PDB file of N, CA and C in Angstrom:
ATOM      1  N   UNK A   1      40.497  64.059  -8.343  1.00  0.00           N
ATOM      2  CA  UNK A   1      39.622  63.363  -7.407  1.00  0.00           C
ATOM      3  C   UNK A   1      38.724  62.368  -8.138  1.00  0.00           C
ATOM      4  N   UNK A   2      38.184  62.793  -9.273  1.00  0.00           N
ATOM      5  CA  UNK A   2      37.288  61.928 -10.042  1.00  0.00           C
ATOM      6  C   UNK A   2      38.031  60.701 -10.577  1.00  0.00           C
ATOM      7  N   UNK A   3      39.298  60.906 -10.984  1.00  0.00           N
ATOM      8  CA  UNK A   3      40.098  59.797 -11.499  1.00  0.00           C
ATOM      9  C   UNK A   3      40.335  58.747 -10.415  1.00  0.00           C
ATOM     10  N   UNK A   4      40.577  59.180  -9.188  1.00  0.00           N
ATOM     11  CA  UNK A   4      40.819  58.247  -8.088  1.00  0.00           C
ATOM     12  C   UNK A   4      39.591  57.393  -7.806  1.00  0.00           C
ATOM     13  N   UNK A   5      38.423  57.991  -7.866  1.00  0.00           N
ATOM     14  CA  UNK A   5      37.184  57.255  -7.626  1.00  0.00           C
ATOM     15  C   UNK A   5      36.970  56.222  -8.726  1.00  0.00           C
ATOM     16  N   UNK A   6      37.203  56.622  -9.963  1.00  0.00           N
ATOM     17  CA  UNK A   6      37.028  55.708 -11.094  1.00  0.00           C
ATOM     18  C   UNK A   6      38.018  54.548 -10.987  1.00  0.00           C
ATOM     19  N   UNK A   7      39.266  54.831 -10.663  1.00  0.00           N
ATOM     20  CA  UNK A   7      40.285  53.786 -10.518  1.00  0.00           C
ATOM     21  C   UNK A   7      39.921  52.848  -9.362  1.00  0.00           C
ATOM     22  N   UNK A   8      39.447  53.404  -8.249  1.00  0.00           N
ATOM     23  CA  UNK A   8      39.060  52.586  -7.104  1.00  0.00           C
ATOM     24  C   UNK A   8      37.898  51.663  -7.453  1.00  0.00           C
ATOM     25  N   UNK A   9      36.926  52.165  -8.186  1.00  0.00           N
ATOM     26  CA  UNK A   9      35.774  51.348  -8.594  1.00  0.00           C
ATOM     27  C   UNK A   9      36.222  50.234  -9.535  1.00  0.00           C
ATOM     28  N   UNK A  10      37.086  50.546 -10.466  1.00  0.00           N
ATOM     29  CA  UNK A  10      37.588  49.528 -11.404  1.00  0.00           C
ATOM     30  C   UNK A  10      38.357  48.448 -10.656  1.00  0.00           C
ATOM     31  N   UNK A  11      39.197  48.842  -9.710  1.00  0.00           N
ATOM     32  CA  UNK A  11      39.954  47.862  -8.926  1.00  0.00           C
ATOM     33  C   UNK A  11      39.009  46.982  -8.116  1.00  0.00           C
ATOM     34  N   UNK A  12      37.983  47.574  -7.528  1.00  0.00           N
ATOM     35  CA  UNK A  12      37.016  46.782  -6.757  1.00  0.00           C
ATOM     36  C   UNK A  12      36.290  45.785  -7.641  1.00  0.00           C
ATOM     37  N   UNK A  13      35.915  46.190  -8.837  1.00  0.00           N
ATOM     38  CA  UNK A  13      35.221  45.285  -9.760  1.00  0.00           C
ATOM     39  C   UNK A  13      36.129  44.133 -10.161  1.00  0.00           C
ATOM     40  N   UNK A  14      37.383  44.413 -10.448  1.00  0.00           N
ATOM     41  CA  UNK A  14      38.330  43.364 -10.832  1.00  0.00           C
ATOM     42  C   UNK A  14      38.563  42.396  -9.672  1.00  0.00           C
ATOM     43  N   UNK A  15      38.751  42.925  -8.468  1.00  0.00           N
ATOM     44  CA  UNK A  15      38.985  42.077  -7.299  1.00  0.00           C
ATOM     45  C   UNK A  15      37.754  41.221  -7.003  1.00  0.00           C
ATOM     46  N   UNK A  16      36.567  41.798  -7.034  1.00  0.00           N
ATOM     47  CA  UNK A  16      35.344  41.040  -6.783  1.00  0.00           C
ATOM     48  C   UNK A  16      35.127  39.963  -7.841  1.00  0.00           C
ATOM     49  N   UNK A  17      35.415  40.267  -9.091  1.00  0.00           N
ATOM     50  CA  UNK A  17      35.300  39.272 -10.154  1.00  0.00           C
ATOM     51  C   UNK A  17      36.263  38.118  -9.954  1.00  0.00           C
ATOM     52  N   UNK A  18      37.493  38.442  -9.572  1.00  0.00           N
ATOM     53  CA  UNK A  18      38.498  37.398  -9.320  1.00  0.00           C
ATOM     54  C   UNK A  18      38.082  36.523  -8.142  1.00  0.00           C
ATOM     55  N   UNK A  19      37.658  37.148  -7.049  1.00  0.00           N
ATOM     56  CA  UNK A  19      37.246  36.389  -5.858  1.00  0.00           C
ATOM     57  C   UNK A  19      36.037  35.526  -6.174  1.00  0.00           C
ATOM     58  N   UNK A  20      35.081  36.068  -6.916  1.00  0.00           N
ATOM     59  CA  UNK A  20      33.889  35.308  -7.273  1.00  0.00           C
ATOM     60  C   UNK A  20      34.253  34.082  -8.107  1.00  0.00           C
ATOM     61  N   UNK A  21      35.154  34.259  -9.064  1.00  0.00           N
ATOM     62  CA  UNK A  21      35.568  33.126  -9.891  1.00  0.00           C
ATOM     63  C   UNK A  21      36.333  32.098  -9.069  1.00  0.00           C
ATOM     64  N   UNK A  22      37.259  32.549  -8.221  1.00  0.00           N
ATOM     65  CA  UNK A  22      38.070  31.642  -7.420  1.00  0.00           C
ATOM     66  C   UNK A  22      37.267  30.958  -6.325  1.00  0.00           C
ATOM     67  N   UNK A  23      36.164  31.551  -5.913  1.00  0.00           N
ATOM     68  CA  UNK A  23      35.367  31.003  -4.818  1.00  0.00           C
ATOM     69  C   UNK A  23      34.704  29.683  -5.178  1.00  0.00           C
ATOM     70  N   UNK A  24      34.637  29.355  -6.448  1.00  0.00           N
ATOM     71  CA  UNK A  24      33.937  28.150  -6.878  1.00  0.00           C
ATOM     72  C   UNK A  24      34.834  27.195  -7.659  1.00  0.00           C
ATOM     73  N   UNK A  25      36.141  27.256  -7.454  1.00  0.00           N
ATOM     74  CA  UNK A  25      37.034  26.401  -8.227  1.00  0.00           C
ATOM     75  C   UNK A  25      37.250  25.028  -7.607  1.00  0.00           C
ATOM     76  N   UNK A  26      37.020  24.884  -6.301  1.00  0.00           N
ATOM     77  CA  UNK A  26      37.157  23.588  -5.636  1.00  0.00           C
ATOM     78  C   UNK A  26      35.966  23.398  -4.699  1.00  0.00           C
ATOM     79  N   UNK A  27      35.654  22.153  -4.328  1.00  0.00           N
ATOM     80  CA  UNK A  27      34.556  21.935  -3.381  1.00  0.00           C
ATOM     81  C   UNK A  27      34.791  22.629  -2.040  1.00  0.00           C
ATOM     82  N   UNK A  28      36.041  22.604  -1.537  1.00  0.00           N
ATOM     83  CA  UNK A  28      36.335  23.260  -0.259  1.00  0.00           C
ATOM     84  C   UNK A  28      36.070  24.760  -0.332  1.00  0.00           C
ATOM     85  N   UNK A  29      36.511  25.389  -1.396  1.00  0.00           N
ATOM     86  CA  UNK A  29      36.302  26.835  -1.539  1.00  0.00           C
ATOM     87  C   UNK A  29      34.814  27.159  -1.675  1.00  0.00           C
ATOM     88  N   UNK A  30      34.061  26.300  -2.359  1.00  0.00           N
ATOM     89  CA  UNK A  30      32.616  26.531  -2.492  1.00  0.00           C
ATOM     90  C   UNK A  30      31.932  26.460  -1.130  1.00  0.00           C
ATOM     91  N   UNK A  31      32.330  25.498  -0.299  1.00  0.00           N
ATOM     92  CA  UNK A  31      31.739  25.374   1.038  1.00  0.00           C
ATOM     93  C   UNK A  31      32.132  26.566   1.900  1.00  0.00           C
ATOM     94  N   UNK A  32      33.394  26.951   1.854  1.00  0.00           N
ATOM     95  CA  UNK A  32      33.837  28.095   2.650  1.00  0.00           C
ATOM     96  C   UNK A  32      33.149  29.382   2.202  1.00  0.00           C
ATOM     97  N   UNK A  33      32.949  29.551   0.920  1.00  0.00           N
ATOM     98  CA  UNK A  33      32.228  30.720   0.423  1.00  0.00           C
ATOM     99  C   UNK A  33      30.781  30.695   0.881  1.00  0.00           C
ATOM    100  N   UNK A  34      30.148  29.530   0.840  1.00  0.00           N
ATOM    101  CA  UNK A  34      28.772  29.410   1.314  1.00  0.00           C
ATOM    102  C   UNK A  34      28.679  29.788   2.791  1.00  0.00           C
ATOM    103  N   UNK A  35      29.611  29.279   3.611  1.00  0.00           N
ATOM    104  CA  UNK A  35      29.604  29.596   5.039  1.00  0.00           C
ATOM    105  C   UNK A  35      29.810  31.090   5.265  1.00  0.00           C
ATOM    106  N   UNK A  36      30.715  31.695   4.520  1.00  0.00           N
ATOM    107  CA  UNK A  36      30.979  33.123   4.669  1.00  0.00           C
ATOM    108  C   UNK A  36      29.761  33.954   4.303  1.00  0.00           C
ATOM    109  N   UNK A  37      29.124  33.625   3.190  1.00  0.00           N
ATOM    110  CA  UNK A  37      27.957  34.385   2.733  1.00  0.00           C
ATOM    111  C   UNK A  37      26.758  34.163   3.656  1.00  0.00           C
ATOM    112  N   UNK A  38      26.648  32.978   4.254  1.00  0.00           N
ATOM    113  CA  UNK A  38      25.498  32.695   5.113  1.00  0.00           C
ATOM    114  C   UNK A  38      25.688  33.197   6.546  1.00  0.00           C
ATOM    115  N   UNK A  39      26.775  33.925   6.805  1.00  0.00           N
ATOM    116  CA  UNK A  39      26.944  34.564   8.101  1.00  0.00           C
ATOM    117  C   UNK A  39      27.759  33.794   9.111  1.00  0.00           C
ATOM    118  N   UNK A  40      28.643  32.920   8.654  1.00  0.00           N
ATOM    119  CA  UNK A  40      29.498  32.146   9.550  1.00  0.00           C
ATOM    120  C   UNK A  40      30.967  32.346   9.177  1.00  0.00           C
ATOM    121  N   UNK A  41      31.488  33.577   9.308  1.00  0.00           N
ATOM    122  CA  UNK A  41      32.857  33.835   8.848  1.00  0.00           C
ATOM    123  C   UNK A  41      33.921  33.073   9.641  1.00  0.00           C
ATOM    124  N   UNK A  42      33.741  32.911  10.959  1.00  0.00           N
ATOM    125  CA  UNK A  42      34.720  32.188  11.755  1.00  0.00           C
ATOM    126  C   UNK A  42      34.771  30.722  11.340  1.00  0.00           C
ATOM    127  N   UNK A  43      33.615  30.107  11.153  1.00  0.00           N
ATOM    128  CA  UNK A  43      33.563  28.708  10.714  1.00  0.00           C
ATOM    129  C   UNK A  43      34.128  28.542   9.310  1.00  0.00           C
ATOM    130  N   UNK A  44      33.911  29.538   8.456  1.00  0.00           N
ATOM    131  CA  UNK A  44      34.425  29.459   7.092  1.00  0.00           C
ATOM    132  C   UNK A  44      35.943  29.373   7.082  1.00  0.00           C
ATOM    133  N   UNK A  45      36.586  29.998   8.055  1.00  0.00           N
ATOM    134  CA  UNK A  45      38.045  30.001   8.101  1.00  0.00           C
ATOM    135  C   UNK A  45      38.636  28.835   8.893  1.00  0.00           C
ATOM    136  N   UNK A  46      37.892  28.314   9.878  1.00  0.00           N
ATOM    137  CA  UNK A  46      38.501  27.347  10.798  1.00  0.00           C
ATOM    138  C   UNK A  46      38.032  25.908  10.658  1.00  0.00           C
ATOM    139  N   UNK A  47      36.877  25.667  10.082  1.00  0.00           N
ATOM    140  CA  UNK A  47      36.349  24.305  10.055  1.00  0.00           C
ATOM    141  C   UNK A  47      37.111  23.428   9.067  1.00  0.00           C
ATOM    142  N   UNK A  48      37.188  22.164   9.403  1.00  0.00           N
ATOM    143  CA  UNK A  48      37.758  21.187   8.489  1.00  0.00           C
ATOM    144  C   UNK A  48      36.650  20.598   7.623  1.00  0.00           C
ATOM    145  N   UNK A  49      37.002  20.193   6.422  1.00  0.00           N
ATOM    146  CA  UNK A  49      36.010  19.674   5.477  1.00  0.00           C
ATOM    147  C   UNK A  49      36.477  18.307   4.994  1.00  0.00           C
ATOM    148  N   UNK A  50      35.594  17.299   5.141  1.00  0.00           N
ATOM    149  CA  UNK A  50      35.913  15.949   4.679  1.00  0.00           C
ATOM    150  C   UNK A  50      34.751  15.418   3.850  1.00  0.00           C
ATOM    151  N   UNK A  51      35.071  14.561   2.905  1.00  0.00           N
ATOM    152  CA  UNK A  51      34.016  13.952   2.096  1.00  0.00           C
ATOM    153  C   UNK A  51      33.281  12.919   2.939  1.00  0.00           C
ATOM    154  N   UNK A  52      31.961  12.991   2.956  1.00  0.00           N
ATOM    155  CA  UNK A  52      31.124  12.059   3.703  1.00  0.00           C
ATOM    156  C   UNK A  52      30.743  10.919   2.755  1.00  0.00           C
ATOM    157  N   UNK A  53      31.582   9.901   2.704  1.00  0.00           N
ATOM    158  CA  UNK A  53      31.381   8.817   1.751  1.00  0.00           C
ATOM    159  C   UNK A  53      30.151   7.991   2.080  1.00  0.00           C
ATOM    160  N   UNK A  54      29.831   7.838   3.368  1.00  0.00           N
ATOM    161  CA  UNK A  54      28.646   7.066   3.749  1.00  0.00           C
ATOM    162  C   UNK A  54      27.375   7.728   3.210  1.00  0.00           C
ATOM    163  N   UNK A  55      27.219   9.020   3.447  1.00  0.00           N
ATOM    164  CA  UNK A  55      26.028   9.737   2.984  1.00  0.00           C
ATOM    165  C   UNK A  55      25.989   9.809   1.464  1.00  0.00           C
ATOM    166  N   UNK A  56      27.130   9.998   0.834  1.00  0.00           N
ATOM    167  CA  UNK A  56      27.182  10.036  -0.628  1.00  0.00           C
ATOM    168  C   UNK A  56      26.755   8.701  -1.213  1.00  0.00           C
ATOM    169  N   UNK A  57      27.221   7.597  -0.621  1.00  0.00           N
ATOM    170  CA  UNK A  57      26.844   6.259  -1.105  1.00  0.00           C
ATOM    171  C   UNK A  57      25.376   5.963  -0.836  1.00  0.00           C
ATOM    172  N   UNK A  58      24.874   6.432   0.310  1.00  0.00           N
ATOM    173  CA  UNK A  58      23.486   6.201   0.676  1.00  0.00           C
ATOM    174  C   UNK A  58      22.527   6.865  -0.322  1.00  0.00           C
ATOM    175  N   UNK A  59      22.854   8.060  -0.762  1.00  0.00           N
ATOM    176  CA  UNK A  59      22.012   8.818  -1.697  1.00  0.00           C
ATOM    177  C   UNK A  59      22.617   8.852  -3.096  1.00  0.00           C
ATOM    178  N   UNK A  60      23.339   7.805  -3.453  1.00  0.00           N
ATOM    179  CA  UNK A  60      24.100   7.766  -4.701  1.00  0.00           C
ATOM    180  C   UNK A  60      23.261   8.064  -5.936  1.00  0.00           C
ATOM    181  N   UNK A  61      22.067   7.470  -6.044  1.00  0.00           N
ATOM    182  CA  UNK A  61      21.262   7.631  -7.260  1.00  0.00           C
ATOM    183  C   UNK A  61      20.885   9.086  -7.522  1.00  0.00           C
ATOM    184  N   UNK A  62      20.394   9.772  -6.509  1.00  0.00           N
ATOM    185  CA  UNK A  62      19.984  11.165  -6.720  1.00  0.00           C
ATOM    186  C   UNK A  62      21.194  12.082  -6.880  1.00  0.00           C
ATOM    187  N   UNK A  63      22.286  11.768  -6.195  1.00  0.00           N
ATOM    188  CA  UNK A  63      23.473  12.616  -6.287  1.00  0.00           C
ATOM    189  C   UNK A  63      24.176  12.477  -7.632  1.00  0.00           C
ATOM    190  N   UNK A  64      24.164  11.282  -8.207  1.00  0.00           N
ATOM    191  CA  UNK A  64      24.782  11.090  -9.517  1.00  0.00           C
ATOM    192  C   UNK A  64      24.052  11.889 -10.589  1.00  0.00           C
ATOM    193  N   UNK A  65      22.738  11.960 -10.485  1.00  0.00           N
ATOM    194  CA  UNK A  65      21.956  12.743 -11.453  1.00  0.00           C
ATOM    195  C   UNK A  65      22.290  14.229 -11.370  1.00  0.00           C
ATOM    196  N   UNK A  66      22.633  14.693 -10.168  1.00  0.00           N
ATOM    197  CA  UNK A  66      22.939  16.109  -9.955  1.00  0.00           C
ATOM    198  C   UNK A  66      24.434  16.413 -10.079  1.00  0.00           C
ATOM    199  N   UNK A  67      25.262  15.372 -10.256  1.00  0.00           N
ATOM    200  CA  UNK A  67      26.714  15.522 -10.277  1.00  0.00           C
ATOM    201  C   UNK A  67      27.182  16.169  -8.971  1.00  0.00           C
ATOM    202  N   UNK A  68      26.801  15.556  -7.838  1.00  0.00           N
ATOM    203  CA  UNK A  68      27.055  16.133  -6.523  1.00  0.00           C
ATOM    204  C   UNK A  68      27.685  15.120  -5.577  1.00  0.00           C
ATOM    205  N   UNK A  69      28.302  15.644  -4.510  1.00  0.00           N
ATOM    206  CA  UNK A  69      28.843  14.837  -3.415  1.00  0.00           C
ATOM    207  C   UNK A  69      28.493  15.531  -2.108  1.00  0.00           C
ATOM    208  N   UNK A  70      28.540  14.752  -1.022  1.00  0.00           N
ATOM    209  CA  UNK A  70      28.250  15.281   0.305  1.00  0.00           C
ATOM    210  C   UNK A  70      29.562  15.434   1.070  1.00  0.00           C
ATOM    211  N   UNK A  71      29.731  16.577   1.719  1.00  0.00           N
ATOM    212  CA  UNK A  71      30.904  16.859   2.537  1.00  0.00           C
ATOM    213  C   UNK A  71      30.453  17.187   3.950  1.00  0.00           C
ATOM    214  N   UNK A  72      31.264  16.808   4.944  1.00  0.00           N
ATOM    215  CA  UNK A  72      30.964  17.075   6.351  1.00  0.00           C
ATOM    216  C   UNK A  72      31.924  18.118   6.898  1.00  0.00           C
ATOM    217  N   UNK A  73      31.420  18.926   7.820  1.00  0.00           N
ATOM    218  CA  UNK A  73      32.221  19.945   8.478  1.00  0.00           C
ATOM    219  C   UNK A  73      32.637  19.411   9.849  1.00  0.00           C
ATOM    220  N   UNK A  74      33.911  19.586  10.214  1.00  0.00           N
ATOM    221  CA  UNK A  74      34.382  19.067  11.494  1.00  0.00           C
ATOM    222  C   UNK A  74      33.958  19.951  12.667  1.00  0.00           C
ATOM    223  N   UNK A  75      33.829  21.241  12.458  1.00  0.00           N
ATOM    224  CA  UNK A  75      33.333  22.170  13.481  1.00  0.00           C
ATOM    225  C   UNK A  75      32.115  22.882  12.913  1.00  0.00           C
ATOM    226  N   UNK A  76      30.974  22.220  12.902  1.00  0.00           N
ATOM    227  CA  UNK A  76      29.808  22.799  12.231  1.00  0.00           C
ATOM    228  C   UNK A  76      29.216  23.979  12.994  1.00  0.00           C
ATOM    229  N   UNK A  77      28.849  25.037  12.261  1.00  0.00           N
ATOM    230  CA  UNK A  77      28.180  26.172  12.897  1.00  0.00           C
ATOM    231  C   UNK A  77      26.691  25.877  13.081  1.00  0.00           C
ATOM    232  N   UNK A  78      26.025  26.698  13.870  1.00  0.00           N
ATOM    233  CA  UNK A  78      24.576  26.589  14.030  1.00  0.00           C
ATOM    234  C   UNK A  78      23.902  27.308  12.869  1.00  0.00           C
ATOM    235  N   UNK A  79      22.862  26.671  12.298  1.00  0.00           N
ATOM    236  CA  UNK A  79      22.112  27.342  11.238  1.00  0.00           C
ATOM    237  C   UNK A  79      20.996  28.190  11.863  1.00  0.00           C
ATOM    238  N   UNK A  80      20.146  28.749  11.038  1.00  0.00           N
ATOM    239  CA  UNK A  80      19.102  29.666  11.525  1.00  0.00           C
ATOM    240  C   UNK A  80      18.084  28.987  12.421  1.00  0.00           C
ATOM    241  N   UNK A  81      17.891  27.672  12.280  1.00  0.00           N
ATOM    242  CA  UNK A  81      16.914  26.964  13.116  1.00  0.00           C
ATOM    243  C   UNK A  81      17.516  26.460  14.420  1.00  0.00           C
ATOM    244  N   UNK A  82      18.803  26.716  14.653  1.00  0.00           N
ATOM    245  CA  UNK A  82      19.448  26.281  15.886  1.00  0.00           C
ATOM    246  C   UNK A  82      20.082  24.910  15.803  1.00  0.00           C
ATOM    247  N   UNK A  83      20.040  24.274  14.651  1.00  0.00           N
ATOM    248  CA  UNK A  83      20.669  22.968  14.452  1.00  0.00           C
ATOM    249  C   UNK A  83      22.073  23.159  13.877  1.00  0.00           C
ATOM    250  N   UNK A  84      22.909  22.160  14.077  1.00  0.00           N
ATOM    251  CA  UNK A  84      24.259  22.226  13.521  1.00  0.00           C
ATOM    252  C   UNK A  84      24.221  21.945  12.021  1.00  0.00           C
ATOM    253  N   UNK A  85      24.964  22.740  11.267  1.00  0.00           N
ATOM    254  CA  UNK A  85      25.090  22.560   9.825  1.00  0.00           C
ATOM    255  C   UNK A  85      26.243  21.587   9.595  1.00  0.00           C
ATOM    256  N   UNK A  86      25.933  20.290   9.631  1.00  0.00           N
ATOM    257  CA  UNK A  86      26.977  19.272   9.588  1.00  0.00           C
ATOM    258  C   UNK A  86      27.365  18.915   8.157  1.00  0.00           C
ATOM    259  N   UNK A  87      26.385  18.747   7.276  1.00  0.00           N
ATOM    260  CA  UNK A  87      26.654  18.304   5.913  1.00  0.00           C
ATOM    261  C   UNK A  87      26.333  19.389   4.904  1.00  0.00           C
ATOM    262  N   UNK A  88      27.133  19.415   3.838  1.00  0.00           N
ATOM    263  CA  UNK A  88      26.885  20.307   2.703  1.00  0.00           C
ATOM    264  C   UNK A  88      26.919  19.475   1.429  1.00  0.00           C
ATOM    265  N   UNK A  89      26.008  19.765   0.534  1.00  0.00           N
ATOM    266  CA  UNK A  89      26.012  19.119  -0.782  1.00  0.00           C
ATOM    267  C   UNK A  89      26.729  20.056  -1.739  1.00  0.00           C
ATOM    268  N   UNK A  90      27.702  19.523  -2.456  1.00  0.00           N
ATOM    269  CA  UNK A  90      28.462  20.313  -3.424  1.00  0.00           C
ATOM    270  C   UNK A  90      28.134  19.786  -4.814  1.00  0.00           C
ATOM    271  N   UNK A  91      27.608  20.675  -5.641  1.00  0.00           N
ATOM    272  CA  UNK A  91      27.207  20.336  -7.005  1.00  0.00           C
ATOM    273  C   UNK A  91      28.226  20.919  -7.971  1.00  0.00           C
ATOM    274  N   UNK A  92      28.648  20.109  -8.931  1.00  0.00           N
ATOM    275  CA  UNK A  92      29.578  20.591  -9.945  1.00  0.00           C
ATOM    276  C   UNK A  92      28.795  20.916 -11.217  1.00  0.00           C
ATOM    277  N   UNK A  93      28.900  22.163 -11.641  1.00  0.00           N
ATOM    278  CA  UNK A  93      28.277  22.617 -12.891  1.00  0.00           C
ATOM    279  C   UNK A  93      29.379  23.172 -13.781  1.00  0.00           C
ATOM    280  N   UNK A  94      29.703  22.424 -14.821  1.00  0.00           N
ATOM    281  CA  UNK A  94      30.815  22.826 -15.673  1.00  0.00           C
ATOM    282  C   UNK A  94      32.112  22.683 -14.895  1.00  0.00           C
ATOM    283  N   UNK A  95      32.859  23.772 -14.793  1.00  0.00           N
ATOM    284  CA  UNK A  95      34.101  23.743 -14.016  1.00  0.00           C
ATOM    285  C   UNK A  95      33.932  24.402 -12.652  1.00  0.00           C
ATOM    286  N   UNK A  96      32.718  24.789 -12.300  1.00  0.00           N
ATOM    287  CA  UNK A  96      32.441  25.485 -11.041  1.00  0.00           C
ATOM    288  C   UNK A  96      31.734  24.565 -10.047  1.00  0.00           C
ATOM    289  N   UNK A  97      31.958  24.805  -8.758  1.00  0.00           N
ATOM    290  CA  UNK A  97      31.324  24.057  -7.681  1.00  0.00           C
ATOM    291  C   UNK A  97      30.428  24.993  -6.878  1.00  0.00           C
ATOM    292  N   UNK A  98      29.271  24.477  -6.451  1.00  0.00           N
ATOM    293  CA  UNK A  98      28.321  25.263  -5.664  1.00  0.00           C
ATOM    294  C   UNK A  98      27.877  24.431  -4.461  1.00  0.00           C
ATOM    295  N   UNK A  99      27.836  25.059  -3.287  1.00  0.00           N
ATOM    296  CA  UNK A  99      27.499  24.354  -2.038  1.00  0.00           C
ATOM    297  C   UNK A  99      26.134  24.795  -1.527  1.00  0.00           C
ATOM    298  N   UNK A 100      25.477  23.861  -0.851  1.00  0.00           N
ATOM    299  CA  UNK A 100      24.213  24.139  -0.183  1.00  0.00           C
ATOM    300  C   UNK A 100      24.093  23.179   0.989  1.00  0.00           C
ATOM    301  N   UNK A 101      23.290  23.530   2.005  1.00  0.00           N
ATOM    302  CA  UNK A 101      23.164  22.628   3.169  1.00  0.00           C
ATOM    303  C   UNK A 101      22.473  21.321   2.781  1.00  0.00           C
ATOM    304  N   UNK A 102      22.777  20.269   3.527  1.00  0.00           N
ATOM    305  CA  UNK A 102      22.204  18.960   3.261  1.00  0.00           C
ATOM    306  C   UNK A 102      21.914  18.267   4.573  1.00  0.00           C
ATOM    307  N   UNK A 103      20.753  17.666   4.720  1.00  0.00           N
ATOM    308  CA  UNK A 103      20.346  16.990   5.957  1.00  0.00           C
ATOM    309  C   UNK A 103      21.092  15.697   6.174  1.00  0.00           C
ATOM    310  N   UNK A 104      21.007  15.195   7.388  1.00  0.00           N
ATOM    311  CA  UNK A 104      21.693  13.946   7.741  1.00  0.00           C
ATOM    312  C   UNK A 104      20.799  12.742   7.473  1.00  0.00           C
ATOM    313  N   UNK A 105      21.430  11.568   7.419  1.00  0.00           N
ATOM    314  CA  UNK A 105      20.674  10.318   7.234  1.00  0.00           C
ATOM    315  C   UNK A 105      19.989   9.932   8.510  1.00  0.00           C
TER     316      UNK A 105
END
């Protein structure tokens, strides 16, 4: 019985480590992971993601310093304040990508 628990814990740690690493390998995966963690699992699976070139160009100076781009969601979920989460800023750090919400112009 003890061996099964230890094996199950080891498998869970390996799977969680793999998912955590894979969750930040592309901008799309970073946005989907952000949506999933922030409580929007349906949107994380179904929304389309496109690069918002207008917003990226508009805020080019600050985004270049952060090594970031702006992406738009085609089916945006509602955030905690009741507004639609339309844009996400994706920052590249090393080989990993991290997403966070971003306001509109």
